[in-house]
Amino acid sequence: MTTDEDTIPEPPPGFVRSSGRGQFSTVNGPYFHKPVADGLVSQAFYALPRHTNGIGLVHGGMLSAFKLGTPPH
């Protein structure tokens, strides 16, 4: 069953949905990216209700999972 809380918004302007980050990231995402300059990439995700902890803040595990999926520069 899908609820409004499961609805994934369209990517922000200039961003596209990322793929190829592995099964864990596919389930936890979605993640988005856009090229910025000199080969660098900005990455983003929407903090949906499923990404929050018991007091409504983004869960630390979600932030860690997002950070671990970003390429080092």
N, C-alpha and C. Protein backbone atom coordinates (compact mmCIF):
# COMPACT_ATOMS: atom_id res chain seq x y z
N MET A 1 0.83 -1.18 0.00
CA MET A 1 0.00 0.00 0.00
C MET A 1 0.88 1.24 0.00
N THR A 2 0.59 2.20 -0.85
CA THR A 2 1.34 3.45 -0.94
C THR A 2 0.55 4.56 -0.28
N THR A 3 1.23 5.38 0.51
CA THR A 3 0.60 6.52 1.15
C THR A 3 1.24 7.80 0.63
N ASP A 4 0.66 8.94 0.98
CA ASP A 4 1.26 10.21 0.59
C ASP A 4 2.67 10.36 1.15
N GLU A 5 2.92 9.73 2.31
CA GLU A 5 4.25 9.79 2.91
C GLU A 5 5.28 9.06 2.07
N ASP A 6 4.85 8.15 1.20
CA ASP A 6 5.75 7.39 0.35
C ASP A 6 6.01 8.09 -0.99
N THR A 7 5.25 9.15 -1.28
CA THR A 7 5.38 9.83 -2.56
C THR A 7 6.72 10.55 -2.63
N ILE A 8 7.45 10.28 -3.67
CA ILE A 8 8.77 10.89 -3.87
C ILE A 8 8.59 12.12 -4.74
N PRO A 9 8.97 13.30 -4.23
CA PRO A 9 8.85 14.52 -5.03
C PRO A 9 9.77 14.47 -6.26
N GLU A 10 9.45 15.29 -7.23
CA GLU A 10 10.32 15.45 -8.39
C GLU A 10 11.68 15.98 -7.92
N PRO A 11 12.75 15.66 -8.63
CA PRO A 11 14.06 16.18 -8.23
C PRO A 11 14.09 17.70 -8.27
N PRO A 12 14.95 18.31 -7.46
CA PRO A 12 15.12 19.76 -7.53
C PRO A 12 15.62 20.15 -8.93
N PRO A 13 15.46 21.41 -9.33
CA PRO A 13 15.92 21.83 -10.66
C PRO A 13 17.38 21.48 -10.92
N GLY A 14 17.63 20.85 -12.06
CA GLY A 14 18.98 20.48 -12.45
C GLY A 14 19.43 19.12 -11.94
N PHE A 15 18.69 18.51 -11.02
CA PHE A 15 19.05 17.22 -10.46
C PHE A 15 18.33 16.11 -11.20
N VAL A 16 18.95 14.94 -11.23
CA VAL A 16 18.32 13.73 -11.77
C VAL A 16 18.43 12.64 -10.70
N ARG A 17 17.55 11.67 -10.78
CA ARG A 17 17.58 10.57 -9.81
C ARG A 17 18.82 9.71 -10.05
N SER A 18 19.54 9.42 -8.99
CA SER A 18 20.76 8.62 -9.07
C SER A 18 20.41 7.14 -9.15
N SER A 19 21.26 6.39 -9.81
CA SER A 19 21.12 4.94 -9.86
C SER A 19 22.50 4.33 -9.69
N GLY A 20 22.53 3.04 -9.46
CA GLY A 20 23.81 2.35 -9.37
C GLY A 20 24.54 2.51 -8.06
N ARG A 21 23.83 2.89 -7.00
CA ARG A 21 24.47 3.05 -5.70
C ARG A 21 24.34 1.79 -4.86
N GLY A 22 23.78 0.73 -5.40
CA GLY A 22 23.64 -0.52 -4.67
C GLY A 22 22.26 -0.69 -4.07
N GLN A 23 21.96 -1.92 -3.65
CA GLN A 23 20.64 -2.24 -3.14
C GLN A 23 20.27 -1.47 -1.88
N PHE A 24 21.21 -1.32 -0.97
CA PHE A 24 20.92 -0.61 0.28
C PHE A 24 20.50 0.82 -0.01
N SER A 25 21.24 1.50 -0.85
CA SER A 25 20.92 2.89 -1.19
C SER A 25 19.64 2.99 -2.00
N THR A 26 19.37 2.00 -2.82
CA THR A 26 18.13 2.01 -3.60
C THR A 26 16.93 1.98 -2.67
N VAL A 27 17.00 1.17 -1.62
CA VAL A 27 15.89 1.07 -0.67
C VAL A 27 15.81 2.34 0.19
N ASN A 28 16.93 2.88 0.60
CA ASN A 28 16.94 4.03 1.50
C ASN A 28 16.69 5.36 0.81
N GLY A 29 16.95 5.45 -0.46
CA GLY A 29 16.84 6.71 -1.19
C GLY A 29 15.41 7.19 -1.31
N PRO A 30 15.13 7.90 -2.34
CA PRO A 30 15.99 8.07 -3.50
C PRO A 30 17.02 9.19 -3.29
N TYR A 31 18.09 9.06 -4.03
CA TYR A 31 19.13 10.08 -4.04
C TYR A 31 19.13 10.75 -5.41
N PHE A 32 19.59 12.00 -5.44
CA PHE A 32 19.63 12.78 -6.67
C PHE A 32 21.02 13.38 -6.83
N HIS A 33 21.39 13.70 -8.06
CA HIS A 33 22.68 14.34 -8.31
C HIS A 33 22.58 15.29 -9.49
N LYS A 34 23.55 16.22 -9.56
CA LYS A 34 23.69 17.09 -10.73
C LYS A 34 25.15 17.50 -10.84
N PRO A 35 25.66 17.55 -12.07
CA PRO A 35 27.02 18.05 -12.28
C PRO A 35 27.06 19.55 -11.96
N VAL A 36 28.15 19.99 -11.36
CA VAL A 36 28.27 21.42 -11.05
C VAL A 36 29.41 22.08 -11.82
N ALA A 37 30.64 21.67 -11.60
CA ALA A 37 31.78 22.26 -12.32
C ALA A 37 33.01 21.39 -12.11
N ASP A 38 33.90 21.43 -13.08
CA ASP A 38 35.19 20.74 -12.97
C ASP A 38 35.04 19.28 -12.57
N GLY A 39 34.00 18.62 -13.07
CA GLY A 39 33.79 17.20 -12.79
C GLY A 39 33.18 16.91 -11.42
N LEU A 40 32.88 17.96 -10.65
CA LEU A 40 32.26 17.74 -9.34
C LEU A 40 30.76 17.54 -9.50
N VAL A 41 30.17 16.90 -8.50
CA VAL A 41 28.75 16.58 -8.54
C VAL A 41 28.12 16.96 -7.20
N SER A 42 26.98 17.64 -7.24
CA SER A 42 26.19 17.88 -6.02
C SER A 42 25.24 16.72 -5.85
N GLN A 43 25.06 16.27 -4.61
CA GLN A 43 24.15 15.17 -4.34
C GLN A 43 23.13 15.61 -3.31
N ALA A 44 21.94 15.03 -3.38
CA ALA A 44 20.86 15.43 -2.47
C ALA A 44 19.91 14.26 -2.24
N PHE A 45 19.10 14.39 -1.19
CA PHE A 45 17.98 13.48 -0.98
C PHE A 45 16.89 14.25 -0.26
N TYR A 46 15.66 13.83 -0.45
CA TYR A 46 14.55 14.39 0.31
C TYR A 46 14.41 13.60 1.60
N ALA A 47 14.31 14.31 2.71
CA ALA A 47 14.07 13.65 3.99
C ALA A 47 12.57 13.37 4.10
N LEU A 48 12.19 12.16 3.75
CA LEU A 48 10.80 11.73 3.81
C LEU A 48 10.48 11.23 5.21
N PRO A 49 9.21 11.10 5.54
CA PRO A 49 8.86 10.61 6.88
C PRO A 49 9.55 9.29 7.25
N ARG A 50 9.80 8.43 6.29
CA ARG A 50 10.44 7.15 6.61
C ARG A 50 11.92 7.32 6.99
N HIS A 51 12.48 8.51 6.76
CA HIS A 51 13.88 8.78 7.08
C HIS A 51 14.06 9.42 8.46
N THR A 52 12.98 9.58 9.21
CA THR A 52 13.07 10.29 10.49
C THR A 52 13.07 9.34 11.68
N ASN A 53 13.52 9.88 12.80
CA ASN A 53 13.53 9.10 14.04
C ASN A 53 12.24 9.37 14.82
N GLY A 54 12.18 8.93 16.03
CA GLY A 54 10.97 9.03 16.84
C GLY A 54 10.54 10.45 17.18
N ILE A 55 11.45 11.42 17.08
CA ILE A 55 11.07 12.80 17.37
C ILE A 55 10.97 13.65 16.10
N GLY A 56 11.00 12.99 14.94
CA GLY A 56 10.75 13.69 13.69
C GLY A 56 11.96 14.30 13.01
N LEU A 57 13.16 14.06 13.53
CA LEU A 57 14.38 14.55 12.89
C LEU A 57 14.94 13.49 11.97
N VAL A 58 15.72 13.89 10.97
CA VAL A 58 16.34 12.92 10.08
C VAL A 58 17.23 12.00 10.92
N HIS A 59 17.03 10.71 10.76
CA HIS A 59 17.76 9.70 11.52
C HIS A 59 19.25 9.77 11.18
N GLY A 60 20.08 9.65 12.19
CA GLY A 60 21.53 9.69 11.99
C GLY A 60 22.01 8.60 11.05
N GLY A 61 21.36 7.44 11.08
CA GLY A 61 21.73 6.36 10.17
C GLY A 61 21.47 6.74 8.72
N MET A 62 20.41 7.51 8.49
CA MET A 62 20.12 7.96 7.12
C MET A 62 21.18 8.94 6.65
N LEU A 63 21.56 9.87 7.53
CA LEU A 63 22.61 10.82 7.16
C LEU A 63 23.93 10.11 6.89
N SER A 64 24.25 9.11 7.70
CA SER A 64 25.48 8.34 7.50
C SER A 64 25.42 7.57 6.19
N ALA A 65 24.29 6.93 5.91
CA ALA A 65 24.15 6.17 4.67
C ALA A 65 24.30 7.08 3.45
N PHE A 66 23.73 8.27 3.52
CA PHE A 66 23.85 9.23 2.41
C PHE A 66 25.32 9.64 2.25
N LYS A 67 25.97 10.00 3.32
CA LYS A 67 27.36 10.44 3.25
C LYS A 67 28.28 9.33 2.74
N LEU A 68 28.07 8.12 3.19
CA LEU A 68 28.92 7.01 2.76
C LEU A 68 28.77 6.72 1.27
N GLY A 69 27.65 7.13 0.68
CA GLY A 69 27.42 6.91 -0.74
C GLY A 69 27.96 8.00 -1.63
N THR A 70 28.48 9.08 -1.04
CA THR A 70 29.01 10.18 -1.87
C THR A 70 30.48 9.92 -2.17
N PRO A 71 30.90 10.21 -3.39
CA PRO A 71 32.30 9.96 -3.74
C PRO A 71 33.22 10.97 -3.05
N PRO A 72 34.39 10.53 -2.62
CA PRO A 72 35.34 11.45 -1.98
C PRO A 72 35.97 12.37 -3.00
N HIS A 73 36.26 13.58 -2.59
CA HIS A 73 36.98 14.56 -3.44
C HIS A 73 38.02 15.27 -2.63
